[in-house]
Amino acid sequence: MGIGATAEVAMLMAKKVLLRKVGEPSPDPDIAELEKELLAKINNLGIGPLGLGGRTTALAVHADVKPTHIATLPVAVSLQCHSVRHREIVL
């Protein structure tokens, strides 16, 4: 997810953090704590993968934060299926 800046930048941040390895925390300790807290809350919802029920809804939450005016705090969420992220290649 991307938090802050402008709506366009928040969307770009949300896409960029998808490139991080699954479960690799943010280098910023505050953002890493936010990611950990959100992952726990998401998995405690009990909706499971594809909403079919279960204990694990998400494998990871990755976030990036940029400064913004509080009156226009944009938040962008980008979802990515684990099966799409399962393999790596070097270009």
PDB file of N, CA and C in Angstrom:
ATOM      1  N   MET A   1       0.825  -1.171   0.000  1.00  0.00           N
ATOM      2  CA  MET A   1       0.000   0.000   0.000  1.00  0.00           C
ATOM      3  C   MET A   1       0.877   1.245   0.000  1.00  0.00           C
ATOM      4  N   GLY A   2       0.356   2.290  -0.586  1.00  0.00           N
ATOM      5  CA  GLY A   2       1.033   3.571  -0.602  1.00  0.00           C
ATOM      6  C   GLY A   2       0.228   4.564   0.214  1.00  0.00           C
ATOM      7  N   ILE A   3       0.879   5.277   1.090  1.00  0.00           N
ATOM      8  CA  ILE A   3       0.201   6.220   1.972  1.00  0.00           C
ATOM      9  C   ILE A   3       0.873   7.579   1.837  1.00  0.00           C
ATOM     10  N   GLY A   4       0.084   8.613   1.501  1.00  0.00           N
ATOM     11  CA  GLY A   4       0.607   9.957   1.480  1.00  0.00           C
ATOM     12  C   GLY A   4       0.930  10.475   0.101  1.00  0.00           C
ATOM     13  N   ALA A   5       1.635  11.590   0.055  1.00  0.00           N
ATOM     14  CA  ALA A   5       1.998  12.316  -1.168  1.00  0.00           C
ATOM     15  C   ALA A   5       0.719  12.756  -1.877  1.00  0.00           C
ATOM     16  N   THR A   6       0.591  12.433  -3.167  1.00  0.00           N
ATOM     17  CA  THR A   6      -0.641  12.696  -3.917  1.00  0.00           C
ATOM     18  C   THR A   6      -1.272  11.351  -4.248  1.00  0.00           C
ATOM     19  N   ALA A   7      -2.490  11.361  -4.742  1.00  0.00           N
ATOM     20  CA  ALA A   7      -3.161  10.103  -5.096  1.00  0.00           C
ATOM     21  C   ALA A   7      -2.340   9.334  -6.133  1.00  0.00           C
ATOM     22  N   GLU A   8      -1.793  10.049  -7.107  1.00  0.00           N
ATOM     23  CA  GLU A   8      -1.017   9.389  -8.160  1.00  0.00           C
ATOM     24  C   GLU A   8       0.245   8.735  -7.594  1.00  0.00           C
ATOM     25  N   VAL A   9       0.941   9.452  -6.716  1.00  0.00           N
ATOM     26  CA  VAL A   9       2.168   8.928  -6.117  1.00  0.00           C
ATOM     27  C   VAL A   9       1.839   7.770  -5.181  1.00  0.00           C
ATOM     28  N   ALA A  10       0.741   7.866  -4.441  1.00  0.00           N
ATOM     29  CA  ALA A  10       0.331   6.774  -3.549  1.00  0.00           C
ATOM     30  C   ALA A  10       0.082   5.501  -4.356  1.00  0.00           C
ATOM     31  N   MET A  11      -0.564   5.630  -5.511  1.00  0.00           N
ATOM     32  CA  MET A  11      -0.807   4.455  -6.364  1.00  0.00           C
ATOM     33  C   MET A  11       0.500   3.874  -6.888  1.00  0.00           C
ATOM     34  N   LEU A  12       1.422   4.727  -7.266  1.00  0.00           N
ATOM     35  CA  LEU A  12       2.721   4.267  -7.751  1.00  0.00           C
ATOM     36  C   LEU A  12       3.497   3.558  -6.638  1.00  0.00           C
ATOM     37  N   MET A  13       3.460   4.122  -5.415  1.00  0.00           N
ATOM     38  CA  MET A  13       4.129   3.486  -4.280  1.00  0.00           C
ATOM     39  C   MET A  13       3.539   2.102  -4.010  1.00  0.00           C
ATOM     40  N   ALA A  14       2.209   1.999  -4.090  1.00  0.00           N
ATOM     41  CA  ALA A  14       1.540   0.718  -3.847  1.00  0.00           C
ATOM     42  C   ALA A  14       1.997  -0.335  -4.853  1.00  0.00           C
ATOM     43  N   LYS A  15       2.184   0.056  -6.082  1.00  0.00           N
ATOM     44  CA  LYS A  15       2.667  -0.884  -7.107  1.00  0.00           C
ATOM     45  C   LYS A  15       4.139  -1.243  -6.873  1.00  0.00           C
ATOM     46  N   LYS A  16       4.952  -0.264  -6.506  1.00  0.00           N
ATOM     47  CA  LYS A  16       6.390  -0.506  -6.321  1.00  0.00           C
ATOM     48  C   LYS A  16       6.682  -1.450  -5.159  1.00  0.00           C
ATOM     49  N   VAL A  17       5.920  -1.339  -4.061  1.00  0.00           N
ATOM     50  CA  VAL A  17       6.203  -2.213  -2.921  1.00  0.00           C
ATOM     51  C   VAL A  17       5.844  -3.664  -3.219  1.00  0.00           C
ATOM     52  N   LEU A  18       5.072  -3.907  -4.276  1.00  0.00           N
ATOM     53  CA  LEU A  18       4.793  -5.288  -4.686  1.00  0.00           C
ATOM     54  C   LEU A  18       6.055  -6.009  -5.147  1.00  0.00           C
ATOM     55  N   LEU A  19       7.077  -5.250  -5.513  1.00  0.00           N
ATOM     56  CA  LEU A  19       8.322  -5.855  -5.997  1.00  0.00           C
ATOM     57  C   LEU A  19       9.208  -6.359  -4.868  1.00  0.00           C
ATOM     58  N   ARG A  20       8.878  -5.989  -3.635  1.00  0.00           N
ATOM     59  CA  ARG A  20       9.634  -6.480  -2.490  1.00  0.00           C
ATOM     60  C   ARG A  20       9.335  -7.965  -2.286  1.00  0.00           C
ATOM     61  N   LYS A  21      10.299  -8.743  -1.838  1.00  0.00           N
ATOM     62  CA  LYS A  21      10.068 -10.166  -1.569  1.00  0.00           C
ATOM     63  C   LYS A  21       8.975 -10.323  -0.520  1.00  0.00           C
ATOM     64  N   VAL A  22       8.144 -11.332  -0.678  1.00  0.00           N
ATOM     65  CA  VAL A  22       7.030 -11.571   0.247  1.00  0.00           C
ATOM     66  C   VAL A  22       7.564 -11.677   1.672  1.00  0.00           C
ATOM     67  N   GLY A  23       7.017 -10.854   2.551  1.00  0.00           N
ATOM     68  CA  GLY A  23       7.399 -10.891   3.957  1.00  0.00           C
ATOM     69  C   GLY A  23       8.626 -10.084   4.319  1.00  0.00           C
ATOM     70  N   GLU A  24       9.307  -9.511   3.345  1.00  0.00           N
ATOM     71  CA  GLU A  24      10.481  -8.680   3.645  1.00  0.00           C
ATOM     72  C   GLU A  24      10.000  -7.352   4.212  1.00  0.00           C
ATOM     73  N   PRO A  25      10.321  -7.050   5.469  1.00  0.00           N
ATOM     74  CA  PRO A  25       9.791  -5.824   6.074  1.00  0.00           C
ATOM     75  C   PRO A  25      10.434  -4.571   5.496  1.00  0.00           C
ATOM     76  N   SER A  26       9.747  -3.477   5.682  1.00  0.00           N
ATOM     77  CA  SER A  26      10.266  -2.181   5.262  1.00  0.00           C
ATOM     78  C   SER A  26      11.542  -1.880   6.042  1.00  0.00           C
ATOM     79  N   PRO A  27      12.511  -1.198   5.418  1.00  0.00           N
ATOM     80  CA  PRO A  27      13.717  -0.810   6.153  1.00  0.00           C
ATOM     81  C   PRO A  27      13.435   0.227   7.245  1.00  0.00           C
ATOM     82  N   ASP A  28      12.310   0.935   7.133  1.00  0.00           N
ATOM     83  CA  ASP A  28      11.917   1.912   8.148  1.00  0.00           C
ATOM     84  C   ASP A  28      11.190   1.168   9.277  1.00  0.00           C
ATOM     85  N   PRO A  29      11.700   1.213  10.513  1.00  0.00           N
ATOM     86  CA  PRO A  29      11.100   0.443  11.611  1.00  0.00           C
ATOM     87  C   PRO A  29       9.640   0.804  11.897  1.00  0.00           C
ATOM     88  N   ASP A  30       9.262   2.069  11.722  1.00  0.00           N
ATOM     89  CA  ASP A  30       7.868   2.463  11.961  1.00  0.00           C
ATOM     90  C   ASP A  30       6.936   1.846  10.912  1.00  0.00           C
ATOM     91  N   ILE A  31       7.366   1.873   9.658  1.00  0.00           N
ATOM     92  CA  ILE A  31       6.554   1.285   8.593  1.00  0.00           C
ATOM     93  C   ILE A  31       6.527  -0.230   8.736  1.00  0.00           C
ATOM     94  N   ALA A  32       7.646  -0.835   9.117  1.00  0.00           N
ATOM     95  CA  ALA A  32       7.690  -2.285   9.336  1.00  0.00           C
ATOM     96  C   ALA A  32       6.700  -2.689  10.429  1.00  0.00           C
ATOM     97  N   GLU A  33       6.593  -1.885  11.472  1.00  0.00           N
ATOM     98  CA  GLU A  33       5.628  -2.169  12.546  1.00  0.00           C
ATOM     99  C   GLU A  33       4.192  -2.041  12.037  1.00  0.00           C
ATOM    100  N   LEU A  34       3.932  -1.031  11.197  1.00  0.00           N
ATOM    101  CA  LEU A  34       2.611  -0.860  10.592  1.00  0.00           C
ATOM    102  C   LEU A  34       2.260  -2.084   9.744  1.00  0.00           C
ATOM    103  N   GLU A  35       3.213  -2.543   8.935  1.00  0.00           N
ATOM    104  CA  GLU A  35       2.988  -3.723   8.095  1.00  0.00           C
ATOM    105  C   GLU A  35       2.651  -4.944   8.943  1.00  0.00           C
ATOM    106  N   LYS A  36       3.391  -5.138  10.019  1.00  0.00           N
ATOM    107  CA  LYS A  36       3.172  -6.278  10.916  1.00  0.00           C
ATOM    108  C   LYS A  36       1.782  -6.209  11.560  1.00  0.00           C
ATOM    109  N   GLU A  37       1.420  -5.018  12.029  1.00  0.00           N
ATOM    110  CA  GLU A  37       0.114  -4.824  12.677  1.00  0.00           C
ATOM    111  C   GLU A  37      -1.036  -5.062  11.693  1.00  0.00           C
ATOM    112  N   LEU A  38      -0.922  -4.518  10.475  1.00  0.00           N
ATOM    113  CA  LEU A  38      -1.966  -4.709   9.472  1.00  0.00           C
ATOM    114  C   LEU A  38      -2.103  -6.170   9.067  1.00  0.00           C
ATOM    115  N   LEU A  39      -0.980  -6.871   8.911  1.00  0.00           N
ATOM    116  CA  LEU A  39      -1.034  -8.289   8.547  1.00  0.00           C
ATOM    117  C   LEU A  39      -1.771  -9.094   9.609  1.00  0.00           C
ATOM    118  N   ALA A  40      -1.480  -8.833  10.875  1.00  0.00           N
ATOM    119  CA  ALA A  40      -2.163  -9.546  11.964  1.00  0.00           C
ATOM    120  C   ALA A  40      -3.659  -9.257  11.940  1.00  0.00           C
ATOM    121  N   LYS A  41      -4.036  -8.001  11.747  1.00  0.00           N
ATOM    122  CA  LYS A  41      -5.457  -7.645  11.733  1.00  0.00           C
ATOM    123  C   LYS A  41      -6.174  -8.245  10.524  1.00  0.00           C
ATOM    124  N   ILE A  42      -5.523  -8.242   9.377  1.00  0.00           N
ATOM    125  CA  ILE A  42      -6.122  -8.821   8.170  1.00  0.00           C
ATOM    126  C   ILE A  42      -6.352 -10.321   8.366  1.00  0.00           C
ATOM    127  N   ASN A  43      -5.364 -11.010   8.905  1.00  0.00           N
ATOM    128  CA  ASN A  43      -5.502 -12.461   9.086  1.00  0.00           C
ATOM    129  C   ASN A  43      -6.457 -12.830  10.218  1.00  0.00           C
ATOM    130  N   ASN A  44      -6.721 -11.893  11.133  1.00  0.00           N
ATOM    131  CA  ASN A  44      -7.702 -12.145  12.192  1.00  0.00           C
ATOM    132  C   ASN A  44      -9.140 -11.942  11.731  1.00  0.00           C
ATOM    133  N   LEU A  45      -9.342 -11.478  10.503  1.00  0.00           N
ATOM    134  CA  LEU A  45     -10.697 -11.288   9.991  1.00  0.00           C
ATOM    135  C   LEU A  45     -11.420 -12.618   9.776  1.00  0.00           C
ATOM    136  N   GLY A  46     -10.665 -13.680   9.516  1.00  0.00           N
ATOM    137  CA  GLY A  46     -11.270 -14.994   9.310  1.00  0.00           C
ATOM    138  C   GLY A  46     -11.928 -15.186   7.956  1.00  0.00           C
ATOM    139  N   ILE A  47     -11.601 -14.334   6.987  1.00  0.00           N
ATOM    140  CA  ILE A  47     -12.231 -14.485   5.676  1.00  0.00           C
ATOM    141  C   ILE A  47     -11.447 -15.424   4.767  1.00  0.00           C
ATOM    142  N   GLY A  48     -10.172 -15.616   5.046  1.00  0.00           N
ATOM    143  CA  GLY A  48      -9.365 -16.570   4.280  1.00  0.00           C
ATOM    144  C   GLY A  48      -9.118 -16.145   2.848  1.00  0.00           C
ATOM    145  N   PRO A  49      -8.384 -16.987   2.111  1.00  0.00           N
ATOM    146  CA  PRO A  49      -8.080 -16.666   0.717  1.00  0.00           C
ATOM    147  C   PRO A  49      -9.357 -16.669  -0.126  1.00  0.00           C
ATOM    148  N   LEU A  50      -9.490 -15.686  -0.972  1.00  0.00           N
ATOM    149  CA  LEU A  50     -10.651 -15.518  -1.849  1.00  0.00           C
ATOM    150  C   LEU A  50     -11.961 -15.440  -1.083  1.00  0.00           C
ATOM    151  N   GLY A  51     -11.912 -15.138   0.220  1.00  0.00           N
ATOM    152  CA  GLY A  51     -13.123 -15.018   1.020  1.00  0.00           C
ATOM    153  C   GLY A  51     -13.794 -16.338   1.342  1.00  0.00           C
ATOM    154  N   LEU A  52     -13.071 -17.446   1.199  1.00  0.00           N
ATOM    155  CA  LEU A  52     -13.650 -18.779   1.404  1.00  0.00           C
ATOM    156  C   LEU A  52     -13.518 -19.276   2.836  1.00  0.00           C
ATOM    157  N   GLY A  53     -12.985 -18.442   3.722  1.00  0.00           N
ATOM    158  CA  GLY A  53     -12.802 -18.848   5.111  1.00  0.00           C
ATOM    159  C   GLY A  53     -11.407 -19.403   5.333  1.00  0.00           C
ATOM    160  N   GLY A  54     -10.963 -19.297   6.543  1.00  0.00           N
ATOM    161  CA  GLY A  54      -9.639 -19.792   6.872  1.00  0.00           C
ATOM    162  C   GLY A  54      -8.886 -18.814   7.738  1.00  0.00           C
ATOM    163  N   ARG A  55      -7.714 -19.246   8.179  1.00  0.00           N
ATOM    164  CA  ARG A  55      -6.927 -18.413   9.095  1.00  0.00           C
ATOM    165  C   ARG A  55      -5.982 -17.473   8.393  1.00  0.00           C
ATOM    166  N   THR A  56      -5.572 -17.781   7.172  1.00  0.00           N
ATOM    167  CA  THR A  56      -4.598 -16.940   6.470  1.00  0.00           C
ATOM    168  C   THR A  56      -5.261 -16.274   5.272  1.00  0.00           C
ATOM    169  N   THR A  57      -5.433 -14.975   5.360  1.00  0.00           N
ATOM    170  CA  THR A  57      -5.996 -14.200   4.261  1.00  0.00           C
ATOM    171  C   THR A  57      -4.876 -13.578   3.438  1.00  0.00           C
ATOM    172  N   ALA A  58      -3.826 -13.108   4.102  1.00  0.00           N
ATOM    173  CA  ALA A  58      -2.702 -12.449   3.426  1.00  0.00           C
ATOM    174  C   ALA A  58      -1.393 -13.057   3.893  1.00  0.00           C
ATOM    175  N   LEU A  59      -0.439 -13.156   2.978  1.00  0.00           N
ATOM    176  CA  LEU A  59       0.895 -13.651   3.320  1.00  0.00           C
ATOM    177  C   LEU A  59       1.806 -12.524   3.782  1.00  0.00           C
ATOM    178  N   ALA A  60       1.523 -11.312   3.313  1.00  0.00           N
ATOM    179  CA  ALA A  60       2.371 -10.171   3.672  1.00  0.00           C
ATOM    180  C   ALA A  60       1.631  -8.874   3.405  1.00  0.00           C
ATOM    181  N   VAL A  61       2.055  -7.835   4.087  1.00  0.00           N
ATOM    182  CA  VAL A  61       1.605  -6.474   3.816  1.00  0.00           C
ATOM    183  C   VAL A  61       2.863  -5.645   3.651  1.00  0.00           C
ATOM    184  N   HIS A  62       2.962  -4.958   2.525  1.00  0.00           N
ATOM    185  CA  HIS A  62       4.097  -4.079   2.267  1.00  0.00           C
ATOM    186  C   HIS A  62       3.567  -2.669   2.090  1.00  0.00           C
ATOM    187  N   ALA A  63       4.252  -1.701   2.674  1.00  0.00           N
ATOM    188  CA  ALA A  63       3.792  -0.316   2.614  1.00  0.00           C
ATOM    189  C   ALA A  63       4.945   0.639   2.388  1.00  0.00           C
ATOM    190  N   ASP A  64       4.601   1.800   1.850  1.00  0.00           N
ATOM    191  CA  ASP A  64       5.535   2.911   1.726  1.00  0.00           C
ATOM    192  C   ASP A  64       4.758   4.166   2.098  1.00  0.00           C
ATOM    193  N   VAL A  65       5.424   5.087   2.747  1.00  0.00           N
ATOM    194  CA  VAL A  65       4.761   6.298   3.248  1.00  0.00           C
ATOM    195  C   VAL A  65       5.556   7.526   2.814  1.00  0.00           C
ATOM    196  N   LYS A  66       4.845   8.552   2.386  1.00  0.00           N
ATOM    197  CA  LYS A  66       5.466   9.826   2.034  1.00  0.00           C
ATOM    198  C   LYS A  66       4.686  10.952   2.722  1.00  0.00           C
ATOM    199  N   PRO A  67       5.333  12.079   2.979  1.00  0.00           N
ATOM    200  CA  PRO A  67       4.643  13.204   3.625  1.00  0.00           C
ATOM    201  C   PRO A  67       3.497  13.732   2.755  1.00  0.00           C
ATOM    202  N   THR A  68       2.471  14.222   3.421  1.00  0.00           N
ATOM    203  CA  THR A  68       1.332  14.807   2.726  1.00  0.00           C
ATOM    204  C   THR A  68       0.589  15.741   3.671  1.00  0.00           C
ATOM    205  N   HIS A  69      -0.302  16.522   3.121  1.00  0.00           N
ATOM    206  CA  HIS A  69      -1.170  17.364   3.957  1.00  0.00           C
ATOM    207  C   HIS A  69      -2.266  16.469   4.521  1.00  0.00           C
ATOM    208  N   ILE A  70      -2.526  16.577   5.808  1.00  0.00           N
ATOM    209  CA  ILE A  70      -3.462  15.690   6.478  1.00  0.00           C
ATOM    210  C   ILE A  70      -4.875  15.782   5.894  1.00  0.00           C
ATOM    211  N   ALA A  71      -5.226  16.917   5.294  1.00  0.00           N
ATOM    212  CA  ALA A  71      -6.564  17.075   4.721  1.00  0.00           C
ATOM    213  C   ALA A  71      -6.753  16.247   3.456  1.00  0.00           C
ATOM    214  N   THR A  72      -5.657  15.812   2.851  1.00  0.00           N
ATOM    215  CA  THR A  72      -5.772  15.044   1.606  1.00  0.00           C
ATOM    216  C   THR A  72      -4.946  13.767   1.689  1.00  0.00           C
ATOM    217  N   LEU A  73      -5.085  13.000   2.742  1.00  0.00           N
ATOM    218  CA  LEU A  73      -4.261  11.814   2.951  1.00  0.00           C
ATOM    219  C   LEU A  73      -4.704  10.681   2.027  1.00  0.00           C
ATOM    220  N   PRO A  74      -4.028  10.498   0.881  1.00  0.00           N
ATOM    221  CA  PRO A  74      -4.401   9.408  -0.018  1.00  0.00           C
ATOM    222  C   PRO A  74      -3.810   8.077   0.455  1.00  0.00           C
ATOM    223  N   VAL A  75      -4.580   7.030   0.278  1.00  0.00           N
ATOM    224  CA  VAL A  75      -4.129   5.669   0.576  1.00  0.00           C
ATOM    225  C   VAL A  75      -4.483   4.816  -0.629  1.00  0.00           C
ATOM    226  N   ALA A  76      -3.498   4.109  -1.175  1.00  0.00           N
ATOM    227  CA  ALA A  76      -3.727   3.227  -2.319  1.00  0.00           C
ATOM    228  C   ALA A  76      -3.348   1.805  -1.929  1.00  0.00           C
ATOM    229  N   VAL A  77      -4.211   0.869  -2.279  1.00  0.00           N
ATOM    230  CA  VAL A  77      -3.963  -0.545  -1.977  1.00  0.00           C
ATOM    231  C   VAL A  77      -3.879  -1.298  -3.293  1.00  0.00           C
ATOM    232  N   SER A  78      -2.844  -2.088  -3.437  1.00  0.00           N
ATOM    233  CA  SER A  78      -2.661  -2.896  -4.632  1.00  0.00           C
ATOM    234  C   SER A  78      -2.538  -4.345  -4.192  1.00  0.00           C
ATOM    235  N   LEU A  79      -3.383  -5.198  -4.725  1.00  0.00           N
ATOM    236  CA  LEU A  79      -3.381  -6.614  -4.345  1.00  0.00           C
ATOM    237  C   LEU A  79      -2.597  -7.421  -5.355  1.00  0.00           C
ATOM    238  N   GLN A  80      -1.933  -8.458  -4.884  1.00  0.00           N
ATOM    239  CA  GLN A  80      -1.193  -9.341  -5.772  1.00  0.00           C
ATOM    240  C   GLN A  80      -1.326 -10.757  -5.252  1.00  0.00           C
ATOM    241  N   CYS A  81      -1.738 -11.648  -6.098  1.00  0.00           N
ATOM    242  CA  CYS A  81      -1.921 -13.045  -5.738  1.00  0.00           C
ATOM    243  C   CYS A  81      -0.560 -13.727  -5.547  1.00  0.00           C
ATOM    244  N   HIS A  82      -0.469 -14.588  -4.553  1.00  0.00           N
ATOM    245  CA  HIS A  82       0.781 -15.304  -4.269  1.00  0.00           C
ATOM    246  C   HIS A  82       1.235 -16.123  -5.470  1.00  0.00           C
ATOM    247  N   SER A  83       0.304 -16.705  -6.194  1.00  0.00           N
ATOM    248  CA  SER A  83       0.697 -17.550  -7.321  1.00  0.00           C
ATOM    249  C   SER A  83       1.418 -16.745  -8.396  1.00  0.00           C
ATOM    250  N   VAL A  84       1.094 -15.474  -8.528  1.00  0.00           N
ATOM    251  CA  VAL A  84       1.769 -14.624  -9.502  1.00  0.00           C
ATOM    252  C   VAL A  84       3.171 -14.275  -9.025  1.00  0.00           C
ATOM    253  N   ARG A  85       3.369 -14.203  -7.712  1.00  0.00           N
ATOM    254  CA  ARG A  85       4.648 -13.792  -7.140  1.00  0.00           C
ATOM    255  C   ARG A  85       5.544 -14.969  -6.783  1.00  0.00           C
ATOM    256  N   HIS A  86       5.136 -16.161  -7.061  1.00  0.00           N
ATOM    257  CA  HIS A  86       5.827 -17.351  -6.581  1.00  0.00           C
ATOM    258  C   HIS A  86       7.199 -17.577  -7.229  1.00  0.00           C
ATOM    259  N   ARG A  87       7.385 -17.128  -8.423  1.00  0.00           N
ATOM    260  CA  ARG A  87       8.639 -17.364  -9.142  1.00  0.00           C
ATOM    261  C   ARG A  87       9.423 -16.085  -9.340  1.00  0.00           C
ATOM    262  N   GLU A  88      10.726 -16.239  -9.499  1.00  0.00           N
ATOM    263  CA  GLU A  88      11.595 -15.103  -9.792  1.00  0.00           C
ATOM    264  C   GLU A  88      12.424 -15.420 -11.028  1.00  0.00           C
ATOM    265  N   ILE A  89      12.701 -14.394 -11.820  1.00  0.00           N
ATOM    266  CA  ILE A  89      13.608 -14.540 -12.953  1.00  0.00           C
ATOM    267  C   ILE A  89      14.512 -13.316 -12.989  1.00  0.00           C
ATOM    268  N   VAL A  90      15.643 -13.473 -13.608  1.00  0.00           N
ATOM    269  CA  VAL A  90      16.566 -12.356 -13.786  1.00  0.00           C
ATOM    270  C   VAL A  90      16.504 -11.955 -15.245  1.00  0.00           C
ATOM    271  N   LEU A  91      16.236 -10.685 -15.472  1.00  0.00           N
ATOM    272  CA  LEU A  91      16.173 -10.183 -16.858  1.00  0.00           C
ATOM    273  C   LEU A  91      17.502  -9.628 -17.278  1.00  0.00           C
TER     274      LEU A  91
END
